[in-house]
Amino acid sequence: MAVTSDAGHRRNPAIRRPGGATSLLLVRHGESAANVAATAAEAAGAETIDMPLRDADVPLTLTGTEQAEALRRWFDTVSAEEYPDAVWVSPYLRAAQTASIALAGRPAGLLVHDERLRDRELGVLDLLTTQGVEARLPVEAARRRRLGKYYYRPPGGESWADVTLRIRSFLQELDADACAPNALVVSHDAVILLFRVVCEGLDEPDILRLARTEPLLNASITRLVRNHRQAPWRVDRYNEVSHLVEGGASVTAHTSAKDPDAAAK
């Protein structure tokens, strides 16, 4: 089946040489309603985030939609040799909407929703701000400070280490014989950060430093590459948003804003 982009490129995945992905594009979803609500709650010093929807159902904002449209225009400039052969997407609505807009006009069979790419689950911390955790769950706040951001698992939720295990499982898809060279993943900021832990062998201090000094922006593009499927991955680009600037879309962070331990160790 040929794949035709809005720009008129014609691509035939059947002519790709399978044998494992050698290029992995990682795209964070556009700005979401929960991003905005969480940032506002933190700024106001509130204890809770005003978001009636469950995390899986949070949609993009108008700004997030514009960011996804800027991604679509960027994809229309990608060469036939580098265009994604396969796409995996978090099933959460904000990621699914981003992928649907960014890949408008491409065959639906190209895209697979994979629950391993969902956002980190926060358990009892869900909808609490940093101040809210300190005020309402002081024992958990103390345990979080002792264990640190990477290993702390809130009751009913996941640690960053837990999410890393999901990613290790997912990466087997990219090593499969049937996987063609160019892969795309549309997911969430913590998930994309943790791809770097697995693919590059970063340790706990490395990833915490990266999260603190270069927070992942909405609708940003990260690209990892390798020479062959047995070779190590390396960063080709990280947290790139020039496509947003050139497309006239706002650049927004909201990095881990809904995650109340964003400022934790």
Protein backbone atom coordinates (compact mmCIF):
# COMPACT_ATOMS: atom_id res chain seq x y z
CA MET A 1 0.00 0.00 0.00
CA ALA A 2 1.43 3.36 -0.97
CA VAL A 3 1.47 6.19 1.57
CA THR A 4 0.80 9.63 0.17
CA SER A 5 1.40 12.78 2.24
CA ASP A 6 -0.42 16.06 1.86
CA ALA A 7 2.72 17.41 0.19
CA GLY A 8 2.41 14.82 -2.56
CA HIS A 9 5.28 12.55 -1.51
CA ARG A 10 4.64 8.93 -2.42
CA ARG A 11 6.07 6.23 -0.22
CA ASN A 12 5.76 2.46 -0.40
CA PRO A 13 6.56 0.73 2.91
CA ALA A 14 6.86 -2.58 1.05
CA ILE A 15 10.16 -1.49 -0.50
CA ARG A 16 11.72 -0.78 2.89
CA ARG A 17 14.41 -3.12 4.09
CA PRO A 18 13.12 -4.69 7.34
CA GLY A 19 15.45 -5.81 10.08
CA GLY A 20 14.85 -3.38 12.93
CA ALA A 21 14.40 0.35 13.25
CA THR A 22 17.49 2.55 12.90
CA SER A 23 15.68 5.90 13.33
CA LEU A 24 13.27 6.65 16.17
CA LEU A 25 11.30 9.90 16.29
CA LEU A 26 9.85 10.69 19.72
CA VAL A 27 7.14 13.37 19.77
CA ARG A 28 5.52 14.76 22.89
CA HIS A 29 1.80 15.52 22.61
CA GLY A 30 0.63 19.11 22.19
CA GLU A 31 -0.52 21.26 25.08
CA SER A 32 -3.43 19.64 26.94
CA ALA A 33 -6.25 20.94 29.11
CA ALA A 34 -4.66 19.27 32.14
CA ASN A 35 -1.32 20.94 31.39
CA VAL A 36 -3.00 24.34 31.61
CA ALA A 37 -5.08 23.47 34.69
CA ALA A 38 -2.08 22.06 36.58
CA THR A 39 0.15 25.02 35.77
CA ALA A 40 -2.58 27.42 36.93
CA ALA A 41 -3.11 25.47 40.17
CA GLU A 42 0.59 25.43 40.98
CA ALA A 43 0.88 29.16 40.26
CA ALA A 44 -2.10 29.91 42.53
CA GLY A 45 -0.74 27.81 45.38
CA ALA A 46 -3.80 25.55 45.27
CA GLU A 47 -3.75 22.06 46.71
CA THR A 48 -5.78 20.41 43.93
CA ILE A 49 -6.01 20.64 40.15
CA ASP A 50 -9.39 21.50 38.65
CA MET A 51 -9.70 18.72 36.07
CA PRO A 52 -12.90 16.62 36.07
CA LEU A 53 -11.73 14.26 33.33
CA ARG A 54 -9.68 11.13 33.97
CA ASP A 55 -6.12 11.37 32.69
CA ALA A 56 -6.79 9.13 29.67
CA ASP A 57 -9.56 11.47 28.44
CA VAL A 58 -7.82 14.85 28.66
CA PRO A 59 -7.93 16.60 25.24
CA LEU A 60 -5.67 19.08 23.54
CA THR A 61 -6.22 22.80 23.98
CA LEU A 62 -6.56 25.10 20.97
CA THR A 63 -2.84 25.82 21.35
CA GLY A 64 -2.15 22.08 21.43
CA THR A 65 -4.14 21.61 18.23
CA GLU A 66 -2.14 24.39 16.55
CA GLN A 67 1.07 22.70 17.67
CA ALA A 68 -0.08 19.40 16.17
CA GLU A 69 -0.89 21.19 12.91
CA ALA A 70 2.64 22.62 12.90
CA LEU A 71 3.91 19.06 13.30
CA ARG A 72 1.82 18.04 10.27
CA ARG A 73 3.42 20.76 8.17
CA TRP A 74 6.86 19.59 9.34
CA PHE A 75 6.09 15.98 8.41
CA ASP A 76 5.16 17.17 4.93
CA THR A 77 8.76 18.32 4.50
CA VAL A 78 10.33 15.00 5.55
CA SER A 79 12.02 13.11 2.74
CA ALA A 80 10.72 9.75 1.52
CA GLU A 81 13.83 8.06 2.92
CA GLU A 82 13.24 9.41 6.44
CA TYR A 83 9.44 9.37 6.64
CA PRO A 84 8.10 7.02 9.38
CA ASP A 85 7.22 3.51 8.22
CA ALA A 86 5.36 2.70 11.44
CA VAL A 87 3.81 4.77 14.20
CA TRP A 88 3.10 3.84 17.80
CA VAL A 89 0.96 6.15 19.94
CA SER A 90 -0.08 6.37 23.57
CA PRO A 91 -3.81 5.56 23.79
CA TYR A 92 -4.40 8.66 25.93
CA LEU A 93 -6.56 11.17 24.06
CA ARG A 94 -4.09 14.07 23.96
CA ALA A 95 -1.44 11.88 22.32
CA ALA A 96 -3.93 10.23 19.97
CA GLN A 97 -5.24 13.65 18.87
CA THR A 98 -1.71 14.91 18.28
CA ALA A 99 -0.87 11.90 16.10
CA SER A 100 -4.16 12.07 14.20
CA ILE A 101 -3.64 15.73 13.31
CA ALA A 102 0.08 15.43 12.60
CA LEU A 103 -0.42 12.42 10.33
CA ALA A 104 -3.64 13.55 8.65
CA GLY A 105 -4.20 11.80 5.34
CA ARG A 106 -2.01 8.78 6.11
CA PRO A 107 -3.53 5.27 6.19
CA ALA A 108 -4.92 4.29 9.59
CA GLY A 109 -3.08 0.98 9.41
CA LEU A 110 0.18 2.83 9.82
CA LEU A 111 -0.68 3.73 13.42
CA VAL A 112 -0.83 1.43 16.47
CA HIS A 113 -2.03 2.47 19.92
CA ASP A 114 0.15 0.86 22.58
CA GLU A 115 -0.71 1.06 26.29
CA ARG A 116 2.98 0.75 27.20
CA LEU A 117 3.36 4.33 25.96
CA ARG A 118 0.71 5.84 28.26
CA ASP A 119 1.66 8.55 30.73
CA ARG A 120 2.96 7.71 34.18
CA GLU A 121 0.17 6.77 36.59
CA LEU A 122 0.19 8.89 39.76
CA GLY A 123 -2.12 6.87 42.01
CA VAL A 124 -3.02 8.75 45.20
CA LEU A 125 -1.12 11.83 43.99
CA ASP A 126 -3.44 12.31 41.01
CA LEU A 127 -4.86 15.86 40.84
CA LEU A 128 -2.75 17.07 43.78
CA THR A 129 -0.24 19.89 43.40
CA THR A 130 3.11 19.86 45.15
CA GLN A 131 1.57 21.90 47.97
CA GLY A 132 -1.39 19.53 48.05
CA VAL A 133 0.81 16.48 48.56
CA GLU A 134 2.66 18.20 51.41
CA ALA A 135 -0.59 19.29 53.10
CA ARG A 136 -2.75 16.20 52.56
CA LEU A 137 -0.27 13.33 52.32
CA PRO A 138 2.73 14.35 54.47
CA VAL A 139 3.87 10.73 54.95
CA GLU A 140 4.00 10.25 51.17
CA ALA A 141 5.76 13.58 50.74
CA ALA A 142 8.45 12.48 53.18
CA ARG A 143 8.79 9.05 51.53
CA ARG A 144 9.09 10.71 48.13
CA ARG A 145 11.89 12.97 49.35
CA ARG A 146 13.74 9.99 50.82
CA LEU A 147 13.46 7.74 47.74
CA GLY A 148 13.83 10.44 45.07
CA LYS A 149 11.86 11.02 41.88
CA TYR A 150 13.18 8.06 39.91
CA TYR A 151 12.35 5.31 42.42
CA TYR A 152 9.41 6.74 44.38
CA ARG A 153 6.19 4.85 43.60
CA PRO A 154 3.00 6.49 44.93
CA PRO A 155 0.35 4.06 46.20
CA GLY A 156 -1.69 2.95 43.21
CA GLY A 157 0.78 4.58 40.82
CA GLU A 158 4.13 4.11 39.12
CA SER A 159 7.70 5.21 39.64
CA TRP A 160 9.87 6.37 36.78
CA ALA A 161 11.62 3.00 37.09
CA ASP A 162 8.28 1.27 36.47
CA VAL A 163 7.75 3.29 33.29
CA THR A 164 11.29 2.40 32.21
CA LEU A 165 10.33 -1.29 32.36
CA ARG A 166 7.40 -0.61 30.02
CA ILE A 167 9.77 1.03 27.56
CA ARG A 168 12.21 -1.88 27.69
CA SER A 169 9.32 -4.14 26.71
CA PHE A 170 8.18 -1.81 23.92
CA LEU A 171 11.65 -1.53 22.35
CA GLN A 172 11.46 -5.18 21.34
CA GLU A 173 9.02 -3.98 18.66
CA LEU A 174 11.79 -1.91 17.09
CA ASP A 175 14.25 -4.81 17.10
CA ALA A 176 11.89 -7.22 15.35
CA ASP A 177 12.80 -8.56 11.92
CA ALA A 178 9.60 -7.15 10.45
CA CYS A 179 10.24 -3.61 11.69
CA ALA A 180 11.30 -1.23 8.92
CA PRO A 181 13.94 1.48 9.48
CA ASN A 182 11.93 4.56 10.46
CA ALA A 183 9.74 4.51 13.57
CA LEU A 184 7.67 7.23 15.26
CA VAL A 185 6.36 7.30 18.83
CA VAL A 186 3.88 9.95 20.04
CA SER A 187 3.75 9.96 23.83
CA HIS A 188 4.34 11.97 27.01
CA ASP A 189 7.23 13.91 28.50
CA ALA A 190 8.28 11.43 31.20
CA VAL A 191 7.98 8.52 28.76
CA ILE A 192 10.18 10.22 26.17
CA LEU A 193 12.75 11.15 28.81
CA LEU A 194 12.88 7.54 29.92
CA PHE A 195 13.42 6.28 26.37
CA ARG A 196 16.79 7.97 26.72
CA VAL A 197 17.51 6.03 29.91
CA VAL A 198 17.01 2.72 28.12
CA CYS A 199 18.41 3.61 24.69
CA GLU A 200 21.50 5.46 25.89
CA GLY A 201 22.10 3.79 29.22
CA LEU A 202 21.66 6.98 31.24
CA ASP A 203 21.74 6.58 35.01
CA GLU A 204 19.54 8.16 37.68
CA PRO A 205 21.59 11.37 38.15
CA ASP A 206 21.84 11.82 34.35
CA ILE A 207 18.10 11.67 33.73
CA LEU A 208 17.19 13.82 36.73
CA ARG A 209 19.68 16.44 35.60
CA LEU A 210 18.25 16.36 32.07
CA ALA A 211 14.68 16.69 33.35
CA ARG A 212 15.70 19.63 35.54
CA THR A 213 17.85 21.54 33.04
CA GLU A 214 16.09 20.89 29.72
CA PRO A 215 12.40 20.14 30.29
CA LEU A 216 10.62 18.54 27.36
CA LEU A 217 8.37 20.97 25.49
CA ASN A 218 4.91 20.27 24.08
CA ALA A 219 4.95 18.91 20.50
CA SER A 220 8.75 18.75 20.56
CA ILE A 221 10.71 16.36 18.35
CA THR A 222 13.48 14.08 19.60
CA ARG A 223 15.32 11.73 17.25
CA LEU A 224 17.45 8.75 18.20
CA VAL A 225 19.49 6.88 15.59
CA ARG A 226 21.68 3.77 15.38
CA ASN A 227 23.66 2.07 12.63
CA HIS A 228 21.87 -1.29 12.96
CA ARG A 229 19.65 -3.02 15.49
CA GLN A 230 22.55 -4.39 17.53
CA ALA A 231 24.23 -0.96 17.70
CA PRO A 232 23.66 1.53 20.54
CA TRP A 233 21.22 4.38 20.05
CA ARG A 234 22.53 7.96 20.06
CA VAL A 235 20.80 11.35 20.09
CA ASP A 236 20.51 13.09 16.73
CA ARG A 237 18.27 15.87 18.06
CA TYR A 238 16.51 16.54 21.35
CA ASN A 239 13.54 18.68 22.34
CA GLU A 240 13.47 20.44 18.96
CA VAL A 241 10.68 23.01 18.46
CA SER A 242 11.85 25.02 15.46
CA HIS A 243 8.87 23.61 13.52
CA LEU A 244 6.56 25.35 16.01
CA VAL A 245 8.35 28.67 15.71
CA GLU A 246 8.40 28.48 11.91
CA GLY A 247 4.75 27.40 11.84
CA GLY A 248 3.61 30.27 14.07
CA ALA A 249 2.52 27.97 16.93
CA SER A 250 3.20 28.79 20.57
CA VAL A 251 6.03 27.03 22.39
CA THR A 252 4.81 25.70 25.74
CA ALA A 253 6.43 23.64 28.46
CA HIS A 254 4.03 22.52 31.23
CA THR A 255 6.69 19.90 31.85
CA SER A 256 5.48 17.40 34.41
CA ALA A 257 3.13 20.12 35.65
CA LYS A 258 0.47 17.54 36.48
CA ASP A 259 3.11 15.47 38.27
CA PRO A 260 3.29 16.87 41.85
CA ASP A 261 6.79 15.56 42.40
CA ALA A 262 8.15 17.54 39.45
CA ALA A 263 10.38 19.47 41.81
CA ALA A 264 11.42 16.41 43.80
CA LYS A 265 14.93 15.05 43.81
